[in-house]
Amino acid sequence: MNHTTRVHLPVSVVATPQSAELCSTAMATNRRLRDLLLLAAALLLSASTSSAADFQYCNKGRRYPVKVSGVEIVPDPVVRGQPASFKISASTDKSITKGKLVVDVTYFIFHVHSETHDFCSGTPCPASGEFVLASEQTLPSFTPPGSYSLQMKLLGENNEELTCISFGFSIGFIAPVAII
């Protein structure tokens, strides 16, 4: 017959000034690390939801009557199956009473999409001074992820090219996941 005897010995922990200081330093370091991680996460989330895209004029030497000051894409990268907005800030000294927007999209070297819109259906006409061209699109969930290029031309009343820009945008590699 096996008998196990357990002996309980009293254990005492003595806090010394050095151990208290070490514990306090470790807790402060953990708080700083946590705060830095929260700040980094907030910066990553804000950077990934909106972006001012770099753009180029189609003909760098041409003086277009409509000057583009910025392109904003929300969210960036674009998420398949969810709405994405493209906003182009522009200005002109002309009075635009009629026109059309011509949009062409390429994926690598392949032309994948074209659309034409009446300028005055999205922007109050006559337009002059500063204005914003805005478009919201929901890309199908089967849209291939990767880098795309968009070219946008604004044509005036007699098909005069008022401006032409191109910019890149990305469609995310991760498909949205429903949380139930």
N, C-alpha and C. Protein backbone atom coordinates (compact mmCIF):
# COMPACT_ATOMS: atom_id res chain seq x y z
N MET A 1 0.83 -1.15 0.00
CA MET A 1 0.00 0.00 0.00
C MET A 1 0.89 1.23 0.00
N ASN A 2 0.64 2.12 -0.99
CA ASN A 2 1.40 3.36 -1.07
C ASN A 2 0.66 4.46 -0.33
N HIS A 3 1.40 5.13 0.49
CA HIS A 3 0.84 6.28 1.19
C HIS A 3 1.64 7.50 0.79
N THR A 4 0.92 8.53 0.42
CA THR A 4 1.58 9.78 0.08
C THR A 4 1.27 10.76 1.18
N THR A 5 2.31 11.32 1.65
CA THR A 5 2.15 12.31 2.71
C THR A 5 2.48 13.68 2.14
N ARG A 6 1.58 14.59 2.34
CA ARG A 6 1.81 15.95 1.87
C ARG A 6 2.15 16.81 3.06
N VAL A 7 3.17 17.56 2.86
CA VAL A 7 3.59 18.47 3.92
C VAL A 7 3.41 19.88 3.40
N HIS A 8 2.73 20.71 4.13
CA HIS A 8 2.53 22.10 3.74
C HIS A 8 3.50 22.95 4.53
N LEU A 9 4.34 23.61 3.79
CA LEU A 9 5.31 24.50 4.42
C LEU A 9 4.84 25.94 4.26
N PRO A 10 4.94 26.72 5.27
CA PRO A 10 4.54 28.12 5.14
C PRO A 10 5.52 28.85 4.21
N VAL A 11 4.97 29.60 3.28
CA VAL A 11 5.78 30.37 2.35
C VAL A 11 5.46 31.83 2.57
N SER A 12 6.48 32.60 2.67
CA SER A 12 6.24 34.04 2.80
C SER A 12 7.01 34.77 1.71
N VAL A 13 6.36 35.77 1.15
CA VAL A 13 6.99 36.58 0.12
C VAL A 13 7.30 37.92 0.76
N VAL A 14 8.53 38.28 0.62
CA VAL A 14 8.97 39.55 1.21
C VAL A 14 9.22 40.52 0.07
N ALA A 15 8.51 41.62 0.09
CA ALA A 15 8.70 42.64 -0.94
C ALA A 15 9.82 43.57 -0.50
N THR A 16 10.81 43.62 -1.33
CA THR A 16 11.92 44.53 -1.05
C THR A 16 11.72 45.79 -1.88
N PRO A 17 12.35 46.87 -1.56
CA PRO A 17 12.23 48.08 -2.38
C PRO A 17 12.65 47.83 -3.83
N GLN A 18 13.64 46.96 -4.04
CA GLN A 18 14.09 46.67 -5.41
C GLN A 18 13.02 45.90 -6.18
N SER A 19 12.37 44.92 -5.54
CA SER A 19 11.34 44.15 -6.24
C SER A 19 10.12 45.01 -6.52
N ALA A 20 9.77 45.90 -5.64
CA ALA A 20 8.65 46.80 -5.87
C ALA A 20 8.96 47.74 -7.03
N GLU A 21 10.20 48.21 -7.10
CA GLU A 21 10.60 49.11 -8.19
C GLU A 21 10.58 48.37 -9.53
N LEU A 22 11.07 47.11 -9.54
CA LEU A 22 11.04 46.31 -10.76
C LEU A 22 9.61 46.07 -11.23
N CYS A 23 8.73 45.78 -10.31
CA CYS A 23 7.33 45.53 -10.65
C CYS A 23 6.69 46.80 -11.21
N SER A 24 6.96 47.93 -10.60
CA SER A 24 6.41 49.20 -11.06
C SER A 24 6.94 49.55 -12.45
N THR A 25 8.22 49.32 -12.69
CA THR A 25 8.83 49.59 -14.00
C THR A 25 8.23 48.68 -15.07
N ALA A 26 8.04 47.41 -14.74
CA ALA A 26 7.45 46.47 -15.70
C ALA A 26 6.02 46.87 -16.06
N MET A 27 5.25 47.30 -15.06
CA MET A 27 3.88 47.72 -15.33
C MET A 27 3.85 48.98 -16.20
N ALA A 28 4.74 49.93 -15.94
CA ALA A 28 4.80 51.15 -16.75
C ALA A 28 5.21 50.83 -18.18
N THR A 29 6.15 49.91 -18.34
CA THR A 29 6.59 49.50 -19.68
C THR A 29 5.44 48.83 -20.43
N ASN A 30 4.69 47.97 -19.74
CA ASN A 30 3.53 47.32 -20.37
C ASN A 30 2.48 48.34 -20.80
N ARG A 31 2.23 49.36 -19.96
CA ARG A 31 1.26 50.40 -20.32
C ARG A 31 1.73 51.17 -21.55
N ARG A 32 3.02 51.52 -21.59
CA ARG A 32 3.56 52.26 -22.74
C ARG A 32 3.47 51.41 -24.01
N LEU A 33 3.81 50.14 -23.90
CA LEU A 33 3.73 49.24 -25.05
C LEU A 33 2.29 49.11 -25.54
N ARG A 34 1.36 48.95 -24.61
CA ARG A 34 -0.06 48.88 -24.98
C ARG A 34 -0.51 50.17 -25.68
N ASP A 35 -0.12 51.34 -25.13
CA ASP A 35 -0.49 52.62 -25.74
C ASP A 35 0.10 52.77 -27.13
N LEU A 36 1.35 52.33 -27.32
CA LEU A 36 1.97 52.40 -28.64
C LEU A 36 1.26 51.48 -29.64
N LEU A 37 0.89 50.29 -29.19
CA LEU A 37 0.16 49.36 -30.06
C LEU A 37 -1.21 49.91 -30.45
N LEU A 38 -1.90 50.54 -29.50
CA LEU A 38 -3.20 51.14 -29.81
C LEU A 38 -3.05 52.29 -30.80
N LEU A 39 -2.02 53.11 -30.62
CA LEU A 39 -1.76 54.22 -31.54
C LEU A 39 -1.44 53.70 -32.93
N ALA A 40 -0.59 52.67 -33.01
CA ALA A 40 -0.22 52.09 -34.31
C ALA A 40 -1.46 51.51 -35.00
N ALA A 41 -2.30 50.82 -34.25
CA ALA A 41 -3.52 50.24 -34.83
C ALA A 41 -4.45 51.34 -35.35
N ALA A 42 -4.59 52.42 -34.57
CA ALA A 42 -5.44 53.53 -35.01
C ALA A 42 -4.90 54.17 -36.28
N LEU A 43 -3.59 54.35 -36.36
CA LEU A 43 -2.99 54.93 -37.56
C LEU A 43 -3.17 54.03 -38.77
N LEU A 44 -3.00 52.72 -38.59
CA LEU A 44 -3.18 51.79 -39.69
C LEU A 44 -4.62 51.78 -40.18
N LEU A 45 -5.57 51.80 -39.24
CA LEU A 45 -6.97 51.80 -39.64
C LEU A 45 -7.35 53.07 -40.37
N SER A 46 -6.87 54.23 -39.88
CA SER A 46 -7.22 55.48 -40.56
C SER A 46 -6.54 55.56 -41.91
N ALA A 47 -5.33 55.05 -42.03
CA ALA A 47 -4.62 55.10 -43.31
C ALA A 47 -5.25 54.16 -44.32
N SER A 48 -5.85 53.09 -43.85
CA SER A 48 -6.39 52.12 -44.81
C SER A 48 -7.82 52.45 -45.24
N THR A 49 -8.47 53.43 -44.63
CA THR A 49 -9.85 53.70 -44.98
C THR A 49 -10.01 54.83 -45.98
N SER A 50 -9.06 55.69 -46.09
CA SER A 50 -9.18 56.82 -47.00
C SER A 50 -7.80 57.18 -47.52
N SER A 51 -7.77 57.62 -48.77
CA SER A 51 -6.47 57.95 -49.33
C SER A 51 -6.60 59.03 -50.39
N ALA A 52 -5.65 59.97 -50.35
CA ALA A 52 -5.53 60.94 -51.43
C ALA A 52 -4.61 60.30 -52.46
N ALA A 53 -5.16 60.00 -53.62
CA ALA A 53 -4.39 59.30 -54.65
C ALA A 53 -3.54 60.28 -55.44
N ASP A 54 -2.36 59.83 -55.81
CA ASP A 54 -1.52 60.61 -56.72
C ASP A 54 -2.13 60.50 -58.11
N PHE A 55 -2.16 61.61 -58.82
CA PHE A 55 -2.70 61.59 -60.18
C PHE A 55 -1.74 62.29 -61.11
N GLN A 56 -1.90 62.01 -62.41
CA GLN A 56 -1.11 62.66 -63.45
C GLN A 56 -2.06 63.14 -64.52
N TYR A 57 -1.70 64.27 -65.13
CA TYR A 57 -2.45 64.70 -66.31
C TYR A 57 -2.05 63.81 -67.47
N CYS A 58 -2.99 63.53 -68.35
CA CYS A 58 -2.73 62.66 -69.50
C CYS A 58 -1.66 63.26 -70.41
N ASN A 59 -1.70 64.56 -70.61
CA ASN A 59 -0.72 65.26 -71.42
C ASN A 59 -0.07 66.31 -70.52
N LYS A 60 1.10 65.99 -70.00
CA LYS A 60 1.75 66.85 -69.00
C LYS A 60 2.05 68.26 -69.53
N GLY A 61 2.25 68.40 -70.82
CA GLY A 61 2.58 69.70 -71.39
C GLY A 61 1.37 70.56 -71.72
N ARG A 62 0.19 70.00 -71.64
CA ARG A 62 -1.02 70.72 -72.03
C ARG A 62 -1.57 71.54 -70.86
N ARG A 63 -2.12 72.70 -71.16
CA ARG A 63 -2.77 73.55 -70.16
C ARG A 63 -4.28 73.34 -70.26
N TYR A 64 -4.77 72.45 -69.43
CA TYR A 64 -6.20 72.12 -69.45
C TYR A 64 -7.01 73.26 -68.81
N PRO A 65 -8.20 73.57 -69.34
CA PRO A 65 -9.06 74.59 -68.74
C PRO A 65 -9.56 74.21 -67.34
N VAL A 66 -9.69 72.92 -67.07
CA VAL A 66 -10.11 72.45 -65.75
C VAL A 66 -8.88 71.89 -65.05
N LYS A 67 -8.57 72.47 -63.88
CA LYS A 67 -7.41 72.05 -63.08
C LYS A 67 -7.88 71.12 -61.97
N VAL A 68 -7.26 69.97 -61.85
CA VAL A 68 -7.58 69.01 -60.79
C VAL A 68 -6.64 69.28 -59.62
N SER A 69 -7.22 69.37 -58.41
CA SER A 69 -6.39 69.62 -57.23
C SER A 69 -6.23 68.38 -56.35
N GLY A 70 -7.09 67.38 -56.51
CA GLY A 70 -6.94 66.18 -55.69
C GLY A 70 -7.91 65.08 -56.07
N VAL A 71 -7.51 63.87 -55.72
CA VAL A 71 -8.34 62.68 -55.94
C VAL A 71 -8.39 61.94 -54.61
N GLU A 72 -9.59 61.60 -54.15
CA GLU A 72 -9.75 60.87 -52.90
C GLU A 72 -10.52 59.58 -53.18
N ILE A 73 -10.00 58.48 -52.62
CA ILE A 73 -10.63 57.17 -52.77
C ILE A 73 -10.96 56.64 -51.38
N VAL A 74 -12.22 56.27 -51.16
CA VAL A 74 -12.66 55.75 -49.86
C VAL A 74 -13.48 54.49 -50.10
N PRO A 75 -13.14 53.36 -49.50
CA PRO A 75 -11.92 53.07 -48.74
C PRO A 75 -10.76 52.79 -49.69
N ASP A 76 -9.59 52.83 -49.15
CA ASP A 76 -8.40 52.52 -49.93
C ASP A 76 -7.58 51.52 -49.13
N PRO A 77 -7.42 50.32 -49.61
CA PRO A 77 -7.84 49.79 -50.90
C PRO A 77 -9.36 49.58 -50.96
N VAL A 78 -9.87 49.56 -52.19
CA VAL A 78 -11.28 49.32 -52.44
C VAL A 78 -11.60 47.88 -52.03
N VAL A 79 -12.78 47.68 -51.43
CA VAL A 79 -13.19 46.35 -50.98
C VAL A 79 -14.25 45.82 -51.94
N ARG A 80 -14.00 44.64 -52.46
CA ARG A 80 -14.95 44.01 -53.40
C ARG A 80 -16.29 43.79 -52.72
N GLY A 81 -17.37 44.10 -53.45
CA GLY A 81 -18.71 43.87 -52.93
C GLY A 81 -19.21 44.95 -51.99
N GLN A 82 -18.42 45.99 -51.74
CA GLN A 82 -18.82 47.09 -50.87
C GLN A 82 -18.67 48.42 -51.61
N PRO A 83 -19.48 49.43 -51.26
CA PRO A 83 -19.40 50.71 -51.96
C PRO A 83 -18.03 51.37 -51.80
N ALA A 84 -17.58 51.98 -52.88
CA ALA A 84 -16.34 52.77 -52.87
C ALA A 84 -16.66 54.11 -53.52
N SER A 85 -16.12 55.19 -52.95
CA SER A 85 -16.37 56.49 -53.55
C SER A 85 -15.07 57.08 -54.07
N PHE A 86 -15.19 57.72 -55.22
CA PHE A 86 -14.08 58.41 -55.87
C PHE A 86 -14.50 59.87 -55.96
N LYS A 87 -13.69 60.78 -55.39
CA LYS A 87 -13.99 62.21 -55.43
C LYS A 87 -12.81 62.94 -56.07
N ILE A 88 -13.11 63.73 -57.08
CA ILE A 88 -12.08 64.50 -57.78
C ILE A 88 -12.40 65.97 -57.57
N SER A 89 -11.50 66.69 -56.88
CA SER A 89 -11.66 68.12 -56.65
C SER A 89 -11.03 68.87 -57.82
N ALA A 90 -11.76 69.84 -58.36
CA ALA A 90 -11.28 70.55 -59.54
C ALA A 90 -11.76 72.00 -59.51
N SER A 91 -11.20 72.80 -60.42
CA SER A 91 -11.62 74.19 -60.56
C SER A 91 -11.41 74.64 -62.00
N THR A 92 -12.16 75.68 -62.38
CA THR A 92 -12.03 76.22 -63.73
C THR A 92 -12.44 77.69 -63.75
N ASP A 93 -11.91 78.42 -64.71
CA ASP A 93 -12.31 79.80 -64.94
C ASP A 93 -13.44 79.85 -65.97
N LYS A 94 -13.68 78.74 -66.64
CA LYS A 94 -14.73 78.66 -67.67
C LYS A 94 -16.08 78.40 -67.00
N SER A 95 -17.12 78.60 -67.76
CA SER A 95 -18.45 78.22 -67.33
C SER A 95 -18.84 76.98 -68.13
N ILE A 96 -18.92 75.85 -67.45
CA ILE A 96 -19.24 74.59 -68.13
C ILE A 96 -20.75 74.40 -68.08
N THR A 97 -21.39 74.48 -69.24
CA THR A 97 -22.84 74.36 -69.31
C THR A 97 -23.28 72.97 -69.75
N LYS A 98 -22.35 72.22 -70.30
CA LYS A 98 -22.68 70.91 -70.85
C LYS A 98 -21.38 70.12 -70.96
N GLY A 99 -21.45 68.82 -70.79
CA GLY A 99 -20.25 68.02 -70.95
C GLY A 99 -20.49 66.58 -70.58
N LYS A 100 -19.44 65.80 -70.73
CA LYS A 100 -19.54 64.39 -70.34
C LYS A 100 -18.21 63.93 -69.75
N LEU A 101 -18.34 62.96 -68.84
CA LEU A 101 -17.18 62.31 -68.22
C LEU A 101 -17.00 60.97 -68.91
N VAL A 102 -15.80 60.70 -69.35
CA VAL A 102 -15.48 59.41 -69.97
C VAL A 102 -14.44 58.73 -69.08
N VAL A 103 -14.79 57.55 -68.57
CA VAL A 103 -13.93 56.82 -67.64
C VAL A 103 -13.51 55.50 -68.28
N ASP A 104 -12.21 55.23 -68.24
CA ASP A 104 -11.66 53.95 -68.72
C ASP A 104 -10.81 53.35 -67.62
N VAL A 105 -10.99 52.05 -67.38
CA VAL A 105 -10.25 51.36 -66.33
C VAL A 105 -9.43 50.23 -66.95
N THR A 106 -8.17 50.13 -66.51
CA THR A 106 -7.31 49.03 -66.97
C THR A 106 -6.82 48.24 -65.77
N TYR A 107 -6.64 46.95 -65.99
CA TYR A 107 -6.10 46.03 -64.99
C TYR A 107 -4.82 45.48 -65.61
N PHE A 108 -3.69 45.86 -65.05
CA PHE A 108 -2.39 45.61 -65.67
C PHE A 108 -2.42 46.25 -67.06
N ILE A 109 -2.35 45.50 -68.12
CA ILE A 109 -2.39 46.10 -69.46
C ILE A 109 -3.74 45.90 -70.14
N PHE A 110 -4.69 45.29 -69.46
CA PHE A 110 -5.98 44.94 -70.06
C PHE A 110 -7.04 45.99 -69.76
N HIS A 111 -7.70 46.47 -70.81
CA HIS A 111 -8.82 47.39 -70.65
C HIS A 111 -10.01 46.57 -70.15
N VAL A 112 -10.56 46.94 -68.97
CA VAL A 112 -11.60 46.11 -68.37
C VAL A 112 -12.95 46.81 -68.23
N HIS A 113 -12.97 48.15 -68.35
CA HIS A 113 -14.25 48.83 -68.11
C HIS A 113 -14.24 50.21 -68.74
N SER A 114 -15.38 50.63 -69.29
CA SER A 114 -15.59 51.99 -69.80
C SER A 114 -16.97 52.44 -69.39
N GLU A 115 -17.10 53.72 -69.12
CA GLU A 115 -18.42 54.29 -68.87
C GLU A 115 -18.38 55.77 -69.21
N THR A 116 -19.53 56.30 -69.58
CA THR A 116 -19.68 57.71 -69.91
C THR A 116 -20.86 58.26 -69.13
N HIS A 117 -20.67 59.44 -68.52
CA HIS A 117 -21.72 60.07 -67.72
C HIS A 117 -21.94 61.50 -68.20
N ASP A 118 -23.17 61.96 -68.10
CA ASP A 118 -23.47 63.36 -68.36
C ASP A 118 -22.91 64.18 -67.20
N PHE A 119 -22.04 65.13 -67.50
CA PHE A 119 -21.39 65.94 -66.46
C PHE A 119 -22.42 66.65 -65.59
N CYS A 120 -23.47 67.21 -66.20
CA CYS A 120 -24.44 68.01 -65.46
C CYS A 120 -25.40 67.18 -64.60
N SER A 121 -25.40 65.85 -64.77
CA SER A 121 -26.25 65.01 -63.92
C SER A 121 -25.63 64.83 -62.54
N GLY A 122 -24.32 64.99 -62.42
CA GLY A 122 -23.66 64.83 -61.13
C GLY A 122 -23.12 66.12 -60.55
N THR A 123 -23.05 67.17 -61.35
CA THR A 123 -22.52 68.46 -60.92
C THR A 123 -23.49 69.53 -61.41
N PRO A 124 -23.90 70.45 -60.53
CA PRO A 124 -24.82 71.50 -60.98
C PRO A 124 -24.20 72.35 -62.10
N CYS A 125 -24.94 72.51 -63.19
CA CYS A 125 -24.47 73.32 -64.32
C CYS A 125 -25.28 74.62 -64.39
N PRO A 126 -24.71 75.71 -64.81
CA PRO A 126 -23.32 75.82 -65.27
C PRO A 126 -22.36 75.71 -64.09
N ALA A 127 -21.24 75.04 -64.31
CA ALA A 127 -20.22 74.87 -63.28
C ALA A 127 -19.07 75.81 -63.58
N SER A 128 -18.62 76.51 -62.55
CA SER A 128 -17.42 77.33 -62.67
C SER A 128 -16.82 77.44 -61.27
N GLY A 129 -15.60 77.91 -61.20
CA GLY A 129 -14.92 77.95 -59.91
C GLY A 129 -14.56 76.55 -59.45
N GLU A 130 -14.69 76.31 -58.14
CA GLU A 130 -14.34 74.99 -57.58
C GLU A 130 -15.55 74.07 -57.60
N PHE A 131 -15.32 72.81 -57.90
CA PHE A 131 -16.38 71.81 -57.89
C PHE A 131 -15.77 70.44 -57.63
N VAL A 132 -16.64 69.48 -57.31
CA VAL A 132 -16.20 68.11 -57.02
C VAL A 132 -16.96 67.15 -57.94
N LEU A 133 -16.21 66.28 -58.58
CA LEU A 133 -16.80 65.19 -59.35
C LEU A 133 -16.80 63.97 -58.44
N ALA A 134 -17.97 63.42 -58.17
CA ALA A 134 -18.05 62.29 -57.24
C ALA A 134 -18.77 61.13 -57.89
N SER A 135 -18.28 59.94 -57.59
CA SER A 135 -18.89 58.72 -58.10
C SER A 135 -18.79 57.65 -57.04
N GLU A 136 -19.88 56.91 -56.86
CA GLU A 136 -19.84 55.77 -55.93
C GLU A 136 -20.11 54.51 -56.73
N GLN A 137 -19.27 53.52 -56.53
CA GLN A 137 -19.37 52.25 -57.24
C GLN A 137 -19.31 51.11 -56.24
N THR A 138 -20.05 50.05 -56.51
CA THR A 138 -19.91 48.81 -55.76
C THR A 138 -19.40 47.77 -56.74
N LEU A 139 -18.16 47.37 -56.54
CA LEU A 139 -17.56 46.39 -57.45
C LEU A 139 -18.03 44.99 -57.08
N PRO A 140 -18.31 44.15 -58.06
CA PRO A 140 -18.76 42.78 -57.77
C PRO A 140 -17.73 42.03 -56.93
N SER A 141 -18.22 41.09 -56.13
CA SER A 141 -17.32 40.35 -55.24
C SER A 141 -16.33 39.48 -56.01
N PHE A 142 -16.59 39.20 -57.29
CA PHE A 142 -15.65 38.40 -58.08
C PHE A 142 -14.60 39.25 -58.78
N THR A 143 -14.58 40.57 -58.55
CA THR A 143 -13.57 41.44 -59.17
C THR A 143 -12.18 41.00 -58.72
N PRO A 144 -11.26 40.80 -59.64
CA PRO A 144 -9.91 40.36 -59.25
C PRO A 144 -9.20 41.42 -58.40
N PRO A 145 -8.53 40.99 -57.34
CA PRO A 145 -7.76 41.93 -56.54
C PRO A 145 -6.50 42.36 -57.28
N GLY A 146 -5.97 43.51 -56.90
CA GLY A 146 -4.73 43.97 -57.51
C GLY A 146 -4.75 45.45 -57.82
N SER A 147 -3.82 45.87 -58.65
CA SER A 147 -3.65 47.28 -59.01
C SER A 147 -4.37 47.61 -60.32
N TYR A 148 -5.11 48.69 -60.30
CA TYR A 148 -5.87 49.15 -61.45
C TYR A 148 -5.44 50.58 -61.78
N SER A 149 -5.69 51.00 -63.02
CA SER A 149 -5.47 52.39 -63.44
C SER A 149 -6.79 52.91 -63.98
N LEU A 150 -7.11 54.16 -63.62
CA LEU A 150 -8.32 54.79 -64.10
C LEU A 150 -7.94 56.06 -64.84
N GLN A 151 -8.50 56.25 -66.02
CA GLN A 151 -8.32 57.50 -66.77
C GLN A 151 -9.68 58.16 -66.87
N MET A 152 -9.73 59.46 -66.51
CA MET A 152 -10.97 60.21 -66.56
C MET A 152 -10.77 61.44 -67.44
N LYS A 153 -11.63 61.56 -68.45
CA LYS A 153 -11.63 62.74 -69.32
C LYS A 153 -12.92 63.51 -69.09
N LEU A 154 -12.80 64.83 -69.02
CA LEU A 154 -13.97 65.69 -68.99
C LEU A 154 -14.01 66.41 -70.33
N LEU A 155 -15.07 66.12 -71.09
CA LEU A 155 -15.22 66.72 -72.41
C LEU A 155 -16.31 67.78 -72.36
N GLY A 156 -16.05 68.92 -72.99
CA GLY A 156 -16.99 70.04 -73.00
C GLY A 156 -18.05 69.91 -74.07
N GLU A 157 -18.72 71.04 -74.31
CA GLU A 157 -19.87 71.09 -75.21
C GLU A 157 -19.57 70.56 -76.61
N ASN A 158 -18.45 70.88 -77.19
CA ASN A 158 -18.10 70.42 -78.54
C ASN A 158 -17.02 69.33 -78.51
N ASN A 159 -17.08 68.48 -77.48
CA ASN A 159 -16.08 67.42 -77.26
C ASN A 159 -14.68 67.97 -77.04
N GLU A 160 -14.59 69.24 -76.61
CA GLU A 160 -13.30 69.83 -76.25
C GLU A 160 -12.82 69.15 -74.97
N GLU A 161 -11.57 68.71 -74.95
CA GLU A 161 -11.03 68.05 -73.76
C GLU A 161 -10.72 69.12 -72.72
N LEU A 162 -11.55 69.18 -71.66
CA LEU A 162 -11.38 70.17 -70.60
C LEU A 162 -10.33 69.74 -69.59
N THR A 163 -10.25 68.45 -69.34
CA THR A 163 -9.18 67.89 -68.52
C THR A 163 -9.11 66.40 -68.77
N CYS A 164 -7.96 65.83 -68.43
CA CYS A 164 -7.77 64.38 -68.55
C CYS A 164 -6.73 64.00 -67.51
N ILE A 165 -7.11 63.11 -66.60
CA ILE A 165 -6.17 62.65 -65.57
C ILE A 165 -6.19 61.13 -65.52
N SER A 166 -5.15 60.58 -64.92
CA SER A 166 -5.12 59.14 -64.64
C SER A 166 -4.55 58.95 -63.24
N PHE A 167 -5.01 57.89 -62.59
CA PHE A 167 -4.52 57.56 -61.26
C PHE A 167 -4.71 56.08 -61.02
N GLY A 168 -3.95 55.56 -60.09
CA GLY A 168 -4.03 54.15 -59.73
C GLY A 168 -4.86 53.95 -58.49
N PHE A 169 -5.45 52.79 -58.37
CA PHE A 169 -6.13 52.39 -57.14
C PHE A 169 -6.01 50.88 -57.01
N SER A 170 -6.20 50.40 -55.79
CA SER A 170 -6.06 48.97 -55.52
C SER A 170 -7.38 48.38 -55.05
N ILE A 171 -7.57 47.14 -55.41
CA ILE A 171 -8.69 46.36 -54.88
C ILE A 171 -8.06 45.32 -53.97
N GLY A 172 -8.54 45.28 -52.73
CA GLY A 172 -7.94 44.43 -51.71
C GLY A 172 -7.93 42.96 -52.05
N PHE A 173 -6.96 42.26 -51.51
CA PHE A 173 -6.81 40.82 -51.74
C PHE A 173 -7.72 40.01 -50.83
N ILE A 174 -8.20 40.63 -49.76
CA ILE A 174 -9.02 39.89 -48.81
C ILE A 174 -10.48 40.22 -49.07
N ALA A 175 -11.28 39.19 -49.31
CA ALA A 175 -12.71 39.38 -49.53
C ALA A 175 -13.38 39.66 -48.19
N PRO A 176 -14.45 40.46 -48.18
CA PRO A 176 -15.13 40.74 -46.93
C PRO A 176 -15.72 39.46 -46.34
N VAL A 177 -15.68 39.37 -45.02
CA VAL A 177 -16.20 38.20 -44.32
C VAL A 177 -17.36 38.66 -43.45
N ALA A 178 -18.49 38.00 -43.58
CA ALA A 178 -19.65 38.35 -42.77
C ALA A 178 -19.45 37.86 -41.34
N ILE A 179 -19.74 38.74 -40.40
CA ILE A 179 -19.64 38.36 -38.99
C ILE A 179 -21.05 38.10 -38.49
N ILE A 180 -21.28 36.89 -38.04
CA ILE A 180 -22.63 36.50 -37.61
C ILE A 180 -22.66 36.38 -36.12
